[in-house]
Structure formats: structure tokens, C-alpha cells
């Protein structure tokens, strides 16, 4: 049983992005990661079959409201998709950081929703890039903490660079200030700030409300820094390391098999693959 913390199905809004368009310079293809069949067919049935083959029970559809080429996936589209597949998918609502006041007002609805288990922001890839500890974001963090909504902050230098911003916006160190100011806010750092692996692990070591979700950057033994996420799980991060694939960046079965190359003991593997995410999202 596995929960994939970053699985982007072929929704209409995503089909127009580099993740699903053939002939792009999208980096997983450049680095030898094959395209899944379901990316070529853009068929949900093929995706569900691939999930079954990989023993992925749940996919978390991580919302997005970011600058091109990442784009915007309307939360209404995610909600409608999850309603069609309530036993296989849950969502994190994407937050448009251009209107914090509206974003804060929308949070209560997401907290009451059966389809959404949290919210997602990409501050370093926004229309106006922000560091995670920008004071303009504090009202959002405060309200999410009050509503006990988990928050995903997607961080990586590559993500920021693709949006035309400096790679410095992928720095995880500002997350420490957020975790300290909002100690009851459950923070998931998606992409785990790769390649800033050690600074990310420092933040997680200091703050036990920070979860680390390296997705495709952990599922290949030759990815630089990947072994450090695993070392941290064996040391202090066993209850806060999360599995994900970043599909369609890599095929699902290949990603699960890549993770299993770490040859972890059963208890630790189950925590990373399922139990930690289930606890975080109240799906135990």
C-alpha cells in the first residue's frame, strides 16, 4: 500500500503543460526517465492501471497556481476529478499568492471539503517570486494553522529557474522561520528543496512540524543527495519522510522500484510509503 504525495493526472489544464506535451525539453526526459504510457495516451484508465501495477493506493493531486511554464490548474477541476475517483485520489488546493486576502477567505471551504486534505503553494515559482518566510504569507500560514490544514511548499531551484526566477528562491532555510513562528502548522516541503539537500535536512532536524517530500529526487540511487534523505530517515526523520513520484516525471512502477533499491527494513519503508502521509492527512 502506497500513498503518492505528488501525482499529477492528465487533467485538461495539465495537458497543455510541459509535463504532458511531447517534444518539449522537459528535464526528466533529458535525464533518461522514460515517459509512462498514460502520458502518451493521456488516459485516466491507463493511469489507474499503472497505479495498480505499482501498488499505489492513493494519489495526491498537488494543486498549482504558478507562473508559466508551470501554469494554473483550477481547484474546481481538481475537486471534480477527485469526486469522480474518491477511492484513489485526494487533493491539495493550489493557492494563488497574488491575492492573499481571497486565499485566506477560501481556506475554510477547503478545510470542510472531503476532496482536499491540504493546500499547496509555490512561492519561488510565482508570478512575483517570494521566499517562504515573506511576511505577506503569514496570514495564510496563520489561518491554515488554525484550521489544521497541512501546507505544501514546493521548493527547488529548478522550479524557480523554469519560471524565470533566480534559483535562490529554492532555498529551504526560510522555511525554518515559518516553522518556528507557526509551530502547529504541518509543513510539507515538496521536491524537498533539491538540490539543497543538507539545508533542507537541517530545517527538518530543528523543527518537527516539517515533513520532507523529495518525490522523484529520492527514487533513484544515483540522484545526487538522494542517499542523505534516506540517512536522515534512519536517524531522526523516520516519521516525517514522505514518498512521491512527481508523475508524470517518471513512471509509477519504476519510481516504486527505485525506492525499494534502498533496501529499508519493513517498518521504515511502510512509514515512508504510507503511514506518515496517512497520519499527516488524517487518512489512517
Protein backbone atom coordinates (compact mmCIF):
# COMPACT_ATOMS: atom_id res chain seq x y z
CA UNK A 1 0.00 0.00 0.00
CA UNK A 2 1.47 3.33 -1.06
CA UNK A 3 0.44 6.99 -0.97
CA UNK A 4 2.00 9.05 -3.75
CA UNK A 5 2.34 12.60 -2.42
CA UNK A 6 2.80 14.18 -5.87
CA UNK A 7 0.82 12.58 -8.68
CA UNK A 8 -0.45 14.86 -11.43
CA UNK A 9 -3.16 13.17 -13.51
CA UNK A 10 -3.84 14.27 -17.11
CA UNK A 11 -6.42 16.92 -16.30
CA UNK A 12 -7.28 19.31 -19.12
CA UNK A 13 -5.26 22.15 -17.58
CA UNK A 14 -2.20 19.95 -17.14
CA UNK A 15 -2.31 18.51 -20.65
CA UNK A 16 -1.09 21.83 -22.04
CA UNK A 17 2.00 21.91 -19.84
CA UNK A 18 5.49 20.57 -20.47
CA UNK A 19 4.81 17.57 -18.24
CA UNK A 20 2.37 16.10 -20.77
CA UNK A 21 3.44 17.64 -24.09
CA UNK A 22 5.71 15.53 -26.23
CA UNK A 23 8.65 17.16 -27.94
CA UNK A 24 9.44 19.51 -25.06
CA UNK A 25 12.78 19.94 -23.33
CA UNK A 26 11.22 18.75 -20.06
CA UNK A 27 14.12 17.63 -17.91
CA UNK A 28 13.08 14.09 -16.84
CA UNK A 29 13.23 13.04 -20.49
CA UNK A 30 16.62 14.70 -20.92
CA UNK A 31 18.00 12.71 -17.99
CA UNK A 32 16.76 9.36 -19.23
CA UNK A 33 13.50 8.96 -17.30
CA UNK A 34 11.06 7.27 -19.71
CA UNK A 35 7.58 8.59 -20.40
CA UNK A 36 4.78 6.50 -18.89
CA UNK A 37 2.26 5.03 -21.34
CA UNK A 38 -0.54 7.02 -19.72
CA UNK A 39 1.28 10.26 -20.54
CA UNK A 40 1.25 9.36 -24.21
CA UNK A 41 -2.41 8.31 -24.19
CA UNK A 42 -3.46 10.92 -21.58
CA UNK A 43 -5.99 8.36 -20.45
CA UNK A 44 -7.13 8.06 -16.83
CA UNK A 45 -7.82 4.36 -17.28
CA UNK A 46 -4.20 3.77 -18.24
CA UNK A 47 -3.07 5.81 -15.23
CA UNK A 48 -5.25 3.80 -12.84
CA UNK A 49 -3.85 0.57 -14.30
CA UNK A 50 -0.31 1.86 -13.76
CA UNK A 51 -1.20 2.79 -10.16
CA UNK A 52 -2.48 -0.74 -9.56
CA UNK A 53 0.66 -2.26 -11.11
CA UNK A 54 2.83 -0.14 -8.80
CA UNK A 55 0.60 -0.83 -5.73
CA UNK A 56 -0.10 2.90 -5.36
CA UNK A 57 -3.35 3.10 -3.44
CA UNK A 58 -3.76 6.88 -3.30
CA UNK A 59 -2.51 9.73 -5.44
CA UNK A 60 -2.30 13.24 -4.00
CA UNK A 61 -3.13 15.82 -6.68
CA UNK A 62 -0.94 18.75 -5.64
CA UNK A 63 -2.61 21.97 -6.83
CA UNK A 64 -0.74 24.64 -8.74
CA UNK A 65 -1.20 28.40 -9.19
CA UNK A 66 2.16 29.50 -10.58
CA UNK A 67 3.84 31.48 -13.34
CA UNK A 68 4.44 29.93 -16.78
CA UNK A 69 5.53 27.42 -17.81
CA UNK A 70 4.09 25.78 -14.68
CA UNK A 71 0.70 27.40 -15.07
CA UNK A 72 -2.58 27.23 -13.21
CA UNK A 73 -4.72 24.18 -12.52
CA UNK A 74 -8.11 25.41 -11.22
CA UNK A 75 -9.08 23.89 -7.91
CA UNK A 76 -12.56 23.29 -9.29
CA UNK A 77 -11.01 20.98 -11.86
CA UNK A 78 -9.11 19.07 -9.18
CA UNK A 79 -12.22 18.84 -6.99
CA UNK A 80 -14.35 17.46 -9.84
CA UNK A 81 -11.67 14.89 -10.68
CA UNK A 82 -11.35 13.70 -7.08
CA UNK A 83 -15.13 13.39 -6.84
CA UNK A 84 -15.02 11.03 -9.82
CA UNK A 85 -12.32 8.92 -8.16
CA UNK A 86 -12.93 9.30 -4.40
CA UNK A 87 -11.26 6.00 -3.54
CA UNK A 88 -7.98 6.73 -5.39
CA UNK A 89 -7.24 10.45 -5.22
CA UNK A 90 -7.24 13.36 -2.79
CA UNK A 91 -6.21 16.94 -3.46
CA UNK A 92 -4.20 19.81 -2.05
CA UNK A 93 -5.78 23.07 -3.21
CA UNK A 94 -3.43 25.35 -5.12
CA UNK A 95 -3.23 28.87 -3.71
CA UNK A 96 -2.81 31.96 -5.89
CA UNK A 97 -0.40 34.14 -3.94
CA UNK A 98 -1.35 37.25 -5.92
CA UNK A 99 -4.43 37.67 -3.71
CA UNK A 100 -3.67 36.60 -0.16
CA UNK A 101 -6.87 38.08 1.25
CA UNK A 102 -9.01 35.89 -1.03
CA UNK A 103 -6.76 32.91 -0.41
CA UNK A 104 -7.25 33.22 3.34
CA UNK A 105 -11.00 33.53 2.89
CA UNK A 106 -11.08 30.35 0.79
CA UNK A 107 -9.28 28.19 3.34
CA UNK A 108 -12.30 27.35 5.48
CA UNK A 109 -14.02 25.85 2.45
CA UNK A 110 -11.04 23.67 1.73
CA UNK A 111 -10.88 22.57 5.37
CA UNK A 112 -14.52 21.42 5.18
CA UNK A 113 -14.08 19.67 1.85
CA UNK A 114 -13.88 15.91 1.54
CA UNK A 115 -11.78 16.28 -1.61
CA UNK A 116 -8.97 18.46 -0.23
CA UNK A 117 -6.60 17.37 2.52
CA UNK A 118 -4.39 20.47 2.50
CA UNK A 119 -3.20 23.45 0.47
CA UNK A 120 -0.27 23.97 -1.87
CA UNK A 121 1.89 27.00 -2.63
CA UNK A 122 4.93 27.52 -4.85
CA UNK A 123 6.29 30.88 -3.68
CA UNK A 124 9.57 30.70 -5.59
CA UNK A 125 7.76 30.00 -8.86
CA UNK A 126 5.02 32.60 -8.52
CA UNK A 127 4.24 35.48 -10.83
CA UNK A 128 6.15 37.56 -8.28
CA UNK A 129 8.67 35.24 -6.61
CA UNK A 130 8.70 35.13 -2.84
CA UNK A 131 10.76 33.44 -0.18
CA UNK A 132 8.79 31.12 2.08
CA UNK A 133 9.09 33.48 5.05
CA UNK A 134 7.82 36.58 3.24
CA UNK A 135 5.56 38.41 5.74
CA UNK A 136 2.81 38.72 3.13
CA UNK A 137 2.28 34.97 3.50
CA UNK A 138 1.87 35.00 7.27
CA UNK A 139 -1.95 35.48 7.26
CA UNK A 140 -2.21 32.39 5.06
CA UNK A 141 0.00 30.38 7.38
CA UNK A 142 -1.85 31.56 10.47
CA UNK A 143 -5.28 30.62 9.11
CA UNK A 144 -4.06 27.24 7.84
CA UNK A 145 -2.66 26.56 11.31
CA UNK A 146 -5.99 27.49 12.92
CA UNK A 147 -7.87 25.18 10.55
CA UNK A 148 -5.29 22.37 10.93
CA UNK A 149 -4.77 22.30 7.16
CA UNK A 150 -1.44 20.79 6.10
CA UNK A 151 0.55 23.10 3.84
CA UNK A 152 2.77 22.03 0.97
CA UNK A 153 5.53 24.44 -0.02
CA UNK A 154 7.11 23.30 -3.27
CA UNK A 155 10.78 24.26 -3.35
CA UNK A 156 13.60 23.60 -5.77
CA UNK A 157 15.99 25.82 -7.60
CA UNK A 158 14.97 24.22 -10.87
CA UNK A 159 11.29 25.05 -10.29
CA UNK A 160 12.13 28.71 -9.71
CA UNK A 161 14.51 28.81 -12.66
CA UNK A 162 11.89 27.43 -15.05
CA UNK A 163 9.65 30.36 -14.07
CA UNK A 164 12.45 32.78 -14.90
CA UNK A 165 13.46 33.49 -11.30
CA UNK A 166 16.81 33.04 -9.52
CA UNK A 167 17.49 29.59 -8.14
CA UNK A 168 17.95 31.18 -4.70
CA UNK A 169 14.17 31.09 -4.28
CA UNK A 170 14.50 27.34 -3.88
CA UNK A 171 16.43 27.83 -0.64
CA UNK A 172 14.71 25.94 2.23
CA UNK A 173 16.28 27.97 5.05
CA UNK A 174 13.35 30.47 5.19
CA UNK A 175 11.05 27.54 5.99
CA UNK A 176 12.70 27.42 9.42
CA UNK A 177 11.31 30.86 10.25
CA UNK A 178 7.82 29.76 9.18
CA UNK A 179 8.02 26.54 11.20
CA UNK A 180 9.18 28.45 14.24
CA UNK A 181 6.51 31.17 14.01
CA UNK A 182 3.71 28.67 13.31
CA UNK A 183 4.69 25.61 15.33
CA UNK A 184 1.37 23.80 14.93
CA UNK A 185 1.31 24.19 11.14
CA UNK A 186 2.17 20.92 9.38
CA UNK A 187 4.54 21.92 6.55
CA UNK A 188 5.38 19.57 3.69
CA UNK A 189 8.35 20.66 1.57
CA UNK A 190 7.59 19.14 -1.82
CA UNK A 191 10.59 18.41 -4.06
CA UNK A 192 12.44 18.63 -0.71
CA UNK A 193 14.28 21.76 -1.90
CA UNK A 194 16.54 19.60 -4.08
CA UNK A 195 19.45 20.08 -4.70
CA UNK A 196 19.68 21.98 -1.39
CA UNK A 197 19.56 18.67 0.45
CA UNK A 198 21.58 19.34 3.60
CA UNK A 199 19.99 22.75 4.34
CA UNK A 200 16.60 21.06 3.96
CA UNK A 201 17.54 18.32 6.38
CA UNK A 202 18.84 20.93 8.82
CA UNK A 203 15.44 22.66 8.82
CA UNK A 204 13.65 19.34 9.38
CA UNK A 205 16.07 18.39 12.17
CA UNK A 206 15.29 21.64 14.02
CA UNK A 207 11.51 21.66 13.51
CA UNK A 208 9.34 18.60 13.97
CA UNK A 209 6.39 20.19 12.14
CA UNK A 210 8.34 20.00 8.85
CA UNK A 211 7.81 16.99 6.59
CA UNK A 212 10.19 16.23 3.74
CA UNK A 213 8.81 15.00 0.41
CA UNK A 214 11.64 14.52 -2.12
CA UNK A 215 9.45 12.65 -4.66
CA UNK A 216 11.48 11.81 -7.79
CA UNK A 217 14.71 13.09 -6.20
CA UNK A 218 14.68 10.21 -3.69
CA UNK A 219 13.69 7.37 -6.00
CA UNK A 220 16.95 6.81 -7.82
CA UNK A 221 20.08 5.66 -6.03
CA UNK A 222 22.28 7.72 -8.34
CA UNK A 223 20.47 11.03 -7.86
CA UNK A 224 22.94 13.37 -6.10
CA UNK A 225 21.96 13.78 -2.47
CA UNK A 226 19.22 11.15 -2.50
CA UNK A 227 21.02 8.94 -0.01
CA UNK A 228 21.04 11.80 2.52
CA UNK A 229 17.23 11.79 2.70
CA UNK A 230 17.43 8.08 3.49
CA UNK A 231 20.20 8.59 6.05
CA UNK A 232 18.02 11.19 7.77
CA UNK A 233 15.11 8.74 7.90
CA UNK A 234 17.36 6.22 9.62
CA UNK A 235 18.48 8.88 12.10
CA UNK A 236 15.64 11.27 13.04
CA UNK A 237 13.22 11.68 10.08
CA UNK A 238 11.53 8.27 10.06
CA UNK A 239 8.10 9.74 10.88
CA UNK A 240 8.33 12.74 8.53
CA UNK A 241 9.80 11.49 5.24
CA UNK A 242 7.17 11.04 2.50
CA UNK A 243 7.13 9.08 -0.74
CA UNK A 244 6.13 10.62 -4.06
CA UNK A 245 6.79 10.14 -7.75
CA UNK A 246 6.17 13.58 -9.28
CA UNK A 247 4.35 11.67 -12.03
CA UNK A 248 4.42 12.22 -14.98
CA UNK A 249 8.12 12.93 -14.46
CA UNK A 250 8.73 9.22 -14.04
CA UNK A 251 6.60 6.08 -14.46
CA UNK A 252 4.95 4.93 -11.26
CA UNK A 253 6.22 1.35 -11.15
CA UNK A 254 9.75 2.48 -11.97
CA UNK A 255 9.59 5.03 -9.14
CA UNK A 256 8.43 2.47 -6.57
CA UNK A 257 11.08 0.02 -7.71
CA UNK A 258 13.69 2.78 -7.50
CA UNK A 259 12.70 3.49 -3.92
CA UNK A 260 12.88 -0.18 -3.00
CA UNK A 261 16.54 -0.25 -4.06
CA UNK A 262 17.29 1.42 -0.73
CA UNK A 263 16.52 -1.97 0.88
CA UNK A 264 14.98 -0.49 4.03
CA UNK A 265 13.55 -2.59 6.82
CA UNK A 266 9.82 -3.19 6.53
CA UNK A 267 8.76 -0.83 9.32
CA UNK A 268 10.67 2.16 7.99
CA UNK A 269 9.61 1.51 4.40
CA UNK A 270 5.95 1.36 5.42
CA UNK A 271 6.25 4.67 7.24
CA UNK A 272 7.71 6.43 4.22
CA UNK A 273 5.44 4.79 1.65
CA UNK A 274 2.16 5.10 3.53
CA UNK A 275 1.88 5.62 7.25
CA UNK A 276 3.45 9.08 7.53
CA UNK A 277 1.27 10.53 4.77
CA UNK A 278 -1.85 8.85 6.12
CA UNK A 279 -1.25 10.34 9.55
CA UNK A 280 -0.49 13.79 8.11
CA UNK A 281 -3.73 13.88 6.11
CA UNK A 282 -5.98 12.18 8.67
CA UNK A 283 -6.42 9.10 6.48
CA UNK A 284 -5.33 6.48 8.99
